[in-house]
Amino acid sequence: MWCEHLPRPRRTVNDTRTAWTARVDESIADIDADAWDHLVGDGSPFVEYRWLRAMEDTGCVDPEHGWLPQIVTLYEGDRLVGALPTYLKGNSYGEFVYDWAWADLAHRLGVDYYPKLIVASPFSPVTGPRVLVDPDGSEAQQTAWRSALADAMTELVQRSGVSGAHVLFAPEAEARALEDRGWFVRVAHQYHWHNDGYRDFDDFLSRFRSKRRRSIRRERRRVREAGYTVESIAGTELDEATMDRVFGFYASTCDRYVWGRQYLNRAFFAQVHDTMPERIRVFIARDADGEIVAGTFNLEKGDRMYGRYWGSTVDVDLLHFETCYYAMIEHAIAHGMQAIEPGQGGEHKYTRGFSPQPMYSAHRIRDRRLGWMLQRHTAQESGLVLDEVERKREAGPLRSDD
């Protein structure tokens, strides 16, 4: 099988005060949940223990689907002080930092691109901490732990024979720190909404140029006139029947579109609903008879909301925008939330008040020829992306005057 287990590196890094041990765990179940989440702290819910554990428990992440957990952990004695959510991959599905062309180039160079290692949250194109360290440590300790984790990953690449390692959707600071240690950085972009102190939705609309403002109001009015309403439901108030509908919407979207792939199963939705309901926020659309006909599954933590899975049993013009964007923005403003991250793609988000945001990943390739070629290409690509982000920000639909 492609996923022959990697050797467990037992690396001890010594200084004058202490010794650290880096190791590889083949399941997050081998790690203490509270210790893991202490590292995550206020960071992304997509790297919390319960989310990653549900991925494994329900079979969404397993070798048959091209995912083998190889969780890199760093201990100071018995105390967990650092971790990387790492997976051995036999394909590039479910990553959303698209490297199919990289795999093709490797093939033409006679280099095996798979298996590879990624540090990521499976199927979740959401920026958040990837190099997790104990927040109670001093700044110097945290820097040392991050360096030790990067060194352990580099050693794992060299000893295991994989083509390389890829840290996906990392904060820019993490990506740049890895760049300083010999990795190279790739930049893509998404569209995010940010709360600029809006009092309500009308205040948000007032920042648009008049043409776009009228267009959005017309879109919302057409949905209402067609008899559809949208409501928000917290995960703690979500019943099993409604969750069944939400999963059905997700599955139908995967079936409906040529690019769709169903990575998650009903058991996964059930487990996260059971173990982390306080993170879930669902928006559902009802028709004039009160029947649920569409919905979106989201996570929220702190002052951020993350849009994830959408679907509908009806083909209603503009219902997607109302359920996935406008209702979420209204909720965010009303509850003082500062940002919405709706996921990959979608130029249509830009014209509805979502601004382009750079997304960073860091890469280390074992083969020097392949690594050199990819690094050169990525430097040019990233420069173009950053230029485009700046251009779109300057020419965005939110007005500076009217």
Protein backbone atom coordinates (compact mmCIF):
# COMPACT_ATOMS: atom_id res chain seq x y z
CA MET A 1 0.00 0.00 0.00
CA TRP A 2 1.15 3.59 -0.71
CA CYS A 3 0.92 4.51 2.97
CA GLU A 4 3.70 2.44 4.48
CA HIS A 5 4.18 3.85 7.96
CA LEU A 6 6.88 6.40 8.41
CA PRO A 7 9.63 5.75 10.92
CA ARG A 8 9.08 7.40 14.28
CA PRO A 9 11.79 10.04 14.77
CA ARG A 10 12.88 10.16 18.39
CA ARG A 11 14.72 13.43 18.20
CA THR A 12 16.04 14.97 21.41
CA VAL A 13 16.99 18.63 21.25
CA ASN A 14 19.08 19.78 24.17
CA ASP A 15 20.01 23.17 25.53
CA THR A 16 21.52 24.03 28.88
CA ARG A 17 18.15 23.89 30.64
CA THR A 18 16.00 21.11 29.25
CA ALA A 19 15.48 18.35 26.72
CA TRP A 20 12.69 18.14 24.15
CA THR A 21 11.51 15.00 22.42
CA ALA A 22 9.76 15.11 19.07
CA ARG A 23 7.76 12.09 18.00
CA VAL A 24 5.11 10.97 15.52
CA ASP A 25 1.70 9.76 16.68
CA GLU A 26 -0.37 7.78 14.19
CA SER A 27 -3.67 9.02 15.59
CA ILE A 28 -4.76 12.12 17.43
CA ALA A 29 -6.45 9.68 19.81
CA ASP A 30 -2.94 8.96 21.16
CA ILE A 31 -2.69 12.55 22.41
CA ASP A 32 -4.38 14.04 25.46
CA ALA A 33 -7.36 16.15 24.31
CA ASP A 34 -6.99 18.88 26.92
CA ALA A 35 -3.26 19.20 26.29
CA TRP A 36 -3.86 19.52 22.53
CA ASP A 37 -6.58 22.15 22.88
CA HIS A 38 -4.39 24.09 25.31
CA LEU A 39 -1.97 24.52 22.41
CA VAL A 40 -4.79 25.62 20.10
CA GLY A 41 -6.10 28.20 22.58
CA ASP A 42 -8.06 30.89 20.77
CA GLY A 43 -6.94 29.56 17.39
CA SER A 44 -8.98 28.03 14.61
CA PRO A 45 -11.75 25.54 15.51
CA PHE A 46 -10.60 23.46 12.54
CA VAL A 47 -7.51 22.30 14.45
CA GLU A 48 -9.29 21.70 17.74
CA TYR A 49 -9.06 18.15 19.06
CA ARG A 50 -12.76 17.38 18.67
CA TRP A 51 -12.82 18.35 14.99
CA LEU A 52 -9.70 16.37 14.08
CA ARG A 53 -10.78 13.40 16.21
CA ALA A 54 -14.15 13.27 14.43
CA MET A 55 -12.32 13.17 11.09
CA GLU A 56 -10.53 10.01 12.19
CA ASP A 57 -13.33 8.33 14.17
CA THR A 58 -15.80 8.51 11.29
CA GLY A 59 -13.38 7.32 8.60
CA CYS A 60 -13.26 10.59 6.65
CA VAL A 61 -9.50 10.59 7.26
CA ASP A 62 -8.01 7.16 6.68
CA PRO A 63 -5.47 5.49 4.36
CA GLU A 64 -8.15 4.28 1.94
CA HIS A 65 -8.99 7.93 1.23
CA GLY A 66 -5.36 8.94 0.92
CA TRP A 67 -4.89 10.28 4.46
CA LEU A 68 -2.71 8.73 7.16
CA PRO A 69 -2.30 10.72 10.41
CA GLN A 70 1.33 11.28 11.35
CA ILE A 71 0.86 13.86 14.09
CA VAL A 72 4.19 15.44 15.03
CA THR A 73 4.33 16.27 18.73
CA LEU A 74 6.95 17.92 20.93
CA TYR A 75 7.31 17.05 24.62
CA GLU A 76 9.28 18.58 27.43
CA GLY A 77 9.36 15.63 29.76
CA ASP A 78 5.73 14.47 29.89
CA ARG A 79 4.37 17.91 29.00
CA LEU A 80 3.08 18.56 25.48
CA VAL A 81 4.61 21.86 24.36
CA GLY A 82 4.16 21.72 20.60
CA ALA A 83 2.38 19.90 17.79
CA LEU A 84 1.85 19.83 14.03
CA PRO A 85 -1.41 18.32 12.66
CA THR A 86 0.40 16.25 10.05
CA TYR A 87 -0.87 13.73 7.50
CA LEU A 88 0.82 11.44 5.02
CA LYS A 89 -0.99 11.94 1.72
CA GLY A 90 -1.30 9.62 -1.25
CA ASN A 91 -3.10 12.23 -3.38
CA SER A 92 -3.91 15.95 -3.37
CA TYR A 93 -7.66 15.75 -2.77
CA GLY A 94 -9.18 17.77 0.05
CA GLU A 95 -6.25 20.16 0.50
CA PHE A 96 -7.30 23.24 -1.54
CA VAL A 97 -3.74 24.42 -2.12
CA TYR A 98 -3.71 23.07 -5.62
CA ASP A 99 -0.51 21.28 -6.59
CA TRP A 100 -1.62 18.98 -9.43
CA ALA A 101 0.77 20.80 -11.78
CA TRP A 102 3.55 20.25 -9.25
CA ALA A 103 2.85 16.52 -9.28
CA ASP A 104 2.90 16.55 -13.08
CA LEU A 105 6.25 18.33 -13.13
CA ALA A 106 7.66 15.84 -10.63
CA HIS A 107 6.50 12.97 -12.85
CA ARG A 108 8.23 14.51 -15.88
CA LEU A 109 11.41 14.84 -13.83
CA GLY A 110 11.20 11.22 -12.75
CA VAL A 111 10.44 12.13 -9.12
CA ASP A 112 7.72 10.42 -7.08
CA TYR A 113 5.49 13.21 -5.78
CA TYR A 114 3.39 10.88 -3.62
CA PRO A 115 3.40 10.19 -0.79
CA LYS A 116 3.96 13.62 0.70
CA LEU A 117 3.39 15.18 4.12
CA ILE A 118 0.97 18.02 4.80
CA VAL A 119 0.37 20.04 7.94
CA ALA A 120 -3.26 21.06 7.72
CA SER A 121 -6.84 20.62 8.82
CA PRO A 122 -8.31 18.05 6.41
CA PHE A 123 -10.83 19.41 3.89
CA SER A 124 -10.77 22.83 5.55
CA PRO A 125 -9.34 25.72 3.48
CA VAL A 126 -9.27 28.03 6.49
CA THR A 127 -6.26 29.96 7.75
CA GLY A 128 -5.26 29.21 11.32
CA PRO A 129 -2.28 28.19 13.45
CA ARG A 130 -0.49 25.10 12.18
CA VAL A 131 2.67 25.23 14.29
CA LEU A 132 1.02 24.83 17.68
CA VAL A 133 3.00 25.69 20.81
CA ASP A 134 2.18 26.13 24.47
CA PRO A 135 0.82 29.69 24.89
CA ASP A 136 2.07 29.74 28.51
CA GLY A 137 5.68 29.60 27.40
CA SER A 138 7.81 32.70 27.16
CA GLU A 139 8.41 34.28 23.77
CA ALA A 140 11.88 32.73 23.69
CA GLN A 141 10.49 29.28 24.56
CA GLN A 142 7.78 29.50 21.92
CA THR A 143 10.34 30.46 19.29
CA ALA A 144 12.55 27.55 20.31
CA TRP A 145 9.63 25.09 20.22
CA ARG A 146 8.59 26.26 16.76
CA SER A 147 12.14 25.82 15.56
CA ALA A 148 12.28 22.32 17.06
CA LEU A 149 9.02 21.37 15.31
CA ALA A 150 10.30 22.69 11.98
CA ASP A 151 13.53 20.73 12.43
CA ALA A 152 11.59 17.58 13.32
CA MET A 153 9.49 17.94 10.16
CA THR A 154 12.58 18.47 8.01
CA GLU A 155 14.18 15.37 9.52
CA LEU A 156 10.99 13.38 8.94
CA VAL A 157 11.03 14.34 5.25
CA GLN A 158 14.65 13.27 4.88
CA ARG A 159 14.35 9.98 6.79
CA SER A 160 11.01 8.82 5.42
CA GLY A 161 11.67 9.36 1.73
CA VAL A 162 8.52 11.37 1.03
CA SER A 163 8.76 14.05 -1.67
CA GLY A 164 8.34 16.90 0.78
CA ALA A 165 6.24 18.66 3.39
CA HIS A 166 3.59 21.34 2.95
CA VAL A 167 2.15 23.59 5.67
CA LEU A 168 -1.22 24.73 4.33
CA PHE A 169 -3.31 27.80 5.20
CA ALA A 170 -0.85 29.03 7.79
CA PRO A 171 -0.82 32.58 9.16
CA GLU A 172 1.68 34.71 7.28
CA ALA A 173 3.99 34.94 10.31
CA GLU A 174 4.23 31.14 10.53
CA ALA A 175 4.86 30.81 6.80
CA ARG A 176 7.57 33.49 6.87
CA ALA A 177 9.24 31.88 9.89
CA LEU A 178 9.46 28.63 7.95
CA GLU A 179 10.79 30.58 4.96
CA ASP A 180 13.62 31.79 7.19
CA ARG A 181 14.45 28.11 7.85
CA GLY A 182 14.77 27.18 4.18
CA TRP A 183 11.16 26.56 3.14
CA PHE A 184 9.50 28.54 0.34
CA VAL A 185 6.17 30.33 0.52
CA ARG A 186 3.24 30.22 -1.86
CA VAL A 187 0.45 32.82 -1.84
CA ALA A 188 -3.15 32.42 -3.00
CA HIS A 189 -6.24 34.42 -2.01
CA GLN A 190 -9.79 34.15 -0.71
CA TYR A 191 -12.58 36.65 -0.07
CA HIS A 192 -13.44 37.54 3.55
CA TRP A 193 -15.96 39.92 5.10
CA HIS A 194 -14.79 42.31 7.82
CA ASN A 195 -16.95 44.30 10.20
CA ASP A 196 -15.99 47.94 9.88
CA GLY A 197 -18.06 48.97 12.89
CA TYR A 198 -21.39 48.57 11.09
CA ARG A 199 -24.50 49.41 13.13
CA ASP A 200 -26.76 47.16 11.02
CA PHE A 201 -27.11 45.77 7.50
CA ASP A 202 -28.31 49.08 6.09
CA ASP A 203 -25.19 50.73 7.46
CA PHE A 204 -23.13 48.05 5.71
CA LEU A 205 -25.00 48.74 2.46
CA SER A 206 -24.45 52.48 2.83
CA ARG A 207 -20.72 51.90 2.22
CA PHE A 208 -21.37 50.54 -1.30
CA ARG A 209 -21.52 52.52 -4.47
CA SER A 210 -25.14 53.32 -5.24
CA LYS A 211 -25.49 50.84 -8.12
CA ARG A 212 -24.30 47.89 -6.04
CA ARG A 213 -26.40 49.02 -3.09
CA ARG A 214 -29.57 48.94 -5.20
CA SER A 215 -28.59 45.58 -6.69
CA ILE A 216 -28.15 43.90 -3.28
CA ARG A 217 -31.43 45.29 -2.00
CA ARG A 218 -33.15 44.00 -5.12
CA GLU A 219 -31.60 40.53 -4.63
CA ARG A 220 -32.86 40.31 -1.05
CA ARG A 221 -36.31 41.59 -2.00
CA ARG A 222 -36.72 38.98 -4.75
CA VAL A 223 -36.04 36.16 -2.28
CA ARG A 224 -38.60 37.53 0.19
CA GLU A 225 -41.19 38.07 -2.52
CA ALA A 226 -40.75 34.45 -3.61
CA GLY A 227 -41.83 33.43 -0.10
CA TYR A 228 -38.49 32.35 1.38
CA THR A 229 -37.15 33.24 4.82
CA VAL A 230 -33.81 32.47 6.42
CA GLU A 231 -33.19 31.78 10.10
CA SER A 232 -30.12 31.16 12.25
CA ILE A 233 -29.86 28.13 14.57
CA ALA A 234 -27.08 27.59 17.11
CA GLY A 235 -25.62 24.10 17.28
CA THR A 236 -26.78 23.78 20.88
CA GLU A 237 -30.37 24.25 19.67
CA LEU A 238 -30.08 22.12 16.55
CA ASP A 239 -32.15 18.92 16.50
CA GLU A 240 -31.12 15.72 14.76
CA ALA A 241 -33.77 16.01 12.03
CA THR A 242 -32.51 19.46 10.98
CA MET A 243 -28.92 18.24 11.04
CA ASP A 244 -30.00 15.41 8.73
CA ARG A 245 -31.34 18.01 6.33
CA VAL A 246 -28.14 20.04 6.52
CA PHE A 247 -26.03 16.98 5.74
CA GLY A 248 -28.36 16.18 2.85
CA PHE A 249 -27.82 19.67 1.44
CA TYR A 250 -24.05 19.22 1.67
CA ALA A 251 -24.20 15.82 -0.07
CA SER A 252 -26.50 17.12 -2.81
CA THR A 253 -24.09 19.95 -3.62
CA CYS A 254 -21.23 17.47 -3.92
CA ASP A 255 -23.34 15.36 -6.31
CA ARG A 256 -24.63 18.30 -8.30
CA TYR A 257 -21.41 19.90 -9.47
CA VAL A 258 -18.65 18.37 -11.54
CA TRP A 259 -16.02 19.70 -9.13
CA GLY A 260 -17.82 18.38 -6.07
CA ARG A 261 -16.34 15.61 -3.93
CA GLN A 262 -18.02 14.32 -0.79
CA TYR A 263 -15.25 14.08 1.77
CA LEU A 264 -17.48 13.95 4.87
CA ASN A 265 -20.15 11.47 5.93
CA ARG A 266 -23.26 11.68 8.09
CA ALA A 267 -21.39 10.16 11.04
CA PHE A 268 -18.94 13.08 11.00
CA PHE A 269 -21.75 15.65 11.16
CA ALA A 270 -23.32 13.69 14.02
CA GLN A 271 -20.08 13.49 16.00
CA VAL A 272 -19.21 17.19 15.76
CA HIS A 273 -22.82 18.03 16.61
CA ASP A 274 -22.49 15.85 19.70
CA THR A 275 -19.00 16.90 20.80
CA MET A 276 -18.70 20.56 19.80
CA PRO A 277 -22.23 22.00 19.36
CA GLU A 278 -21.19 25.40 20.71
CA ARG A 279 -19.02 25.87 17.60
CA ILE A 280 -21.83 25.20 15.10
CA ARG A 281 -24.06 27.81 13.50
CA VAL A 282 -26.59 26.77 10.84
CA PHE A 283 -28.60 29.04 8.56
CA ILE A 284 -31.67 27.43 7.02
CA ALA A 285 -34.11 28.69 4.39
CA ARG A 286 -37.80 27.85 4.54
CA ASP A 287 -40.40 28.18 1.80
CA ALA A 288 -43.85 29.74 2.25
CA ASP A 289 -45.13 26.47 3.77
CA GLY A 290 -42.38 26.39 6.39
CA GLU A 291 -40.51 23.54 4.70
CA ILE A 292 -36.70 23.60 5.01
CA VAL A 293 -35.40 23.80 1.44
CA ALA A 294 -31.80 25.03 1.81
CA GLY A 295 -29.15 25.51 4.42
CA THR A 296 -25.54 26.18 5.25
CA PHE A 297 -23.33 24.61 7.93
CA ASN A 298 -20.82 26.92 9.60
CA LEU A 299 -18.49 27.10 12.56
CA GLU A 300 -17.94 30.10 14.80
CA LYS A 301 -15.37 30.85 17.44
CA GLY A 302 -14.61 34.09 19.20
CA ASP A 303 -15.46 36.94 16.85
CA ARG A 304 -15.17 34.95 13.59
CA MET A 305 -17.59 32.84 11.59
CA TYR A 306 -16.52 30.26 9.02
CA GLY A 307 -18.87 29.35 6.21
CA ARG A 308 -18.41 25.75 5.10
CA TYR A 309 -21.15 23.64 3.46
CA TRP A 310 -24.18 24.77 1.45
CA GLY A 311 -26.98 23.00 -0.39
CA SER A 312 -30.56 23.30 -1.57
CA THR A 313 -33.42 21.10 -2.80
CA VAL A 314 -34.88 23.95 -4.88
CA ASP A 315 -33.45 25.99 -7.71
CA VAL A 316 -34.32 29.49 -6.55
CA ASP A 317 -32.52 32.47 -8.00
CA LEU A 318 -30.43 34.34 -5.39
CA LEU A 319 -31.35 32.07 -2.46
CA HIS A 320 -27.69 31.05 -2.17
CA PHE A 321 -26.58 34.67 -1.67
CA GLU A 322 -29.26 35.29 0.94
CA THR A 323 -28.48 32.15 2.96
CA CYS A 324 -24.71 32.09 2.66
CA TYR A 325 -23.85 35.79 2.72
CA TYR A 326 -26.50 38.35 3.59
CA ALA A 327 -28.13 36.50 6.49
CA MET A 328 -24.68 35.67 7.88
CA ILE A 329 -23.57 39.29 7.63
CA GLU A 330 -26.73 40.43 9.44
CA HIS A 331 -26.07 37.89 12.20
CA ALA A 332 -22.42 38.90 12.48
CA ILE A 333 -23.23 42.58 12.80
CA ALA A 334 -25.99 41.96 15.35
CA HIS A 335 -23.68 39.86 17.53
CA GLY A 336 -20.54 41.97 17.23
CA MET A 337 -18.61 39.45 15.15
CA GLN A 338 -15.65 40.89 13.30
CA ALA A 339 -15.14 38.58 10.32
CA ILE A 340 -16.69 35.93 8.09
CA GLU A 341 -14.53 33.51 6.14
CA PRO A 342 -16.78 31.81 3.55
CA GLY A 343 -14.18 29.46 2.07
CA GLN A 344 -12.63 29.01 -1.35
CA GLY A 345 -13.34 30.75 -4.61
CA GLY A 346 -16.17 32.96 -5.64
CA GLU A 347 -15.63 36.20 -7.51
CA HIS A 348 -19.30 36.89 -6.71
CA LYS A 349 -18.27 37.42 -3.08
CA TYR A 350 -16.12 40.37 -4.08
CA THR A 351 -19.04 42.35 -5.48
CA ARG A 352 -21.01 41.70 -2.27
CA GLY A 353 -18.57 43.28 0.14
CA PHE A 354 -16.03 40.52 0.72
CA SER A 355 -12.44 41.72 0.28
CA PRO A 356 -9.51 39.68 -1.08
CA GLN A 357 -7.17 38.27 1.56
CA PRO A 358 -3.81 36.56 0.92
CA MET A 359 -3.59 32.89 1.91
CA TYR A 360 -0.17 31.47 2.76
CA SER A 361 1.41 28.03 2.59
CA ALA A 362 4.99 26.91 3.15
CA HIS A 363 6.75 24.08 1.33
CA ARG A 364 9.89 22.01 1.62
CA ILE A 365 10.79 19.71 -1.30
CA ARG A 366 13.38 16.96 -0.86
CA ASP A 367 14.49 16.74 -4.51
CA ARG A 368 16.69 19.79 -5.18
CA ARG A 369 15.83 20.12 -8.87
CA LEU A 370 12.11 19.97 -8.24
CA GLY A 371 12.35 22.27 -5.25
CA TRP A 372 14.37 24.87 -7.14
CA MET A 373 11.94 24.93 -10.06
CA LEU A 374 8.87 25.14 -7.82
CA GLN A 375 10.42 27.86 -5.68
CA ARG A 376 11.16 30.04 -8.72
CA HIS A 377 7.68 29.56 -10.16
CA THR A 378 6.00 30.16 -6.82
CA ALA A 379 7.88 33.42 -6.23
CA GLN A 380 6.55 34.79 -9.52
CA GLU A 381 3.04 33.44 -8.90
CA SER A 382 2.88 34.86 -5.39
CA GLY A 383 3.96 38.30 -6.58
CA LEU A 384 1.15 38.35 -9.14
CA VAL A 385 -1.39 37.25 -6.53
CA LEU A 386 -0.36 39.98 -4.09
CA ASP A 387 -0.54 42.58 -6.86
CA GLU A 388 -4.04 41.40 -7.74
CA VAL A 389 -5.15 41.51 -4.11
CA GLU A 390 -3.95 45.10 -3.81
CA ARG A 391 -5.61 46.11 -7.07
CA LYS A 392 -8.95 44.62 -6.04
CA ARG A 393 -8.81 46.23 -2.63
CA GLU A 394 -8.28 49.65 -4.19
CA ALA A 395 -11.07 49.14 -6.76
CA GLY A 396 -13.52 47.30 -4.49
CA PRO A 397 -17.30 47.87 -4.43
CA LEU A 398 -17.25 49.66 -1.07
CA ARG A 399 -17.23 53.37 -1.83
CA SER A 400 -14.89 55.98 -0.44
CA ASP A 401 -17.32 58.71 -1.49
CA ASP A 402 -20.58 58.94 -3.46
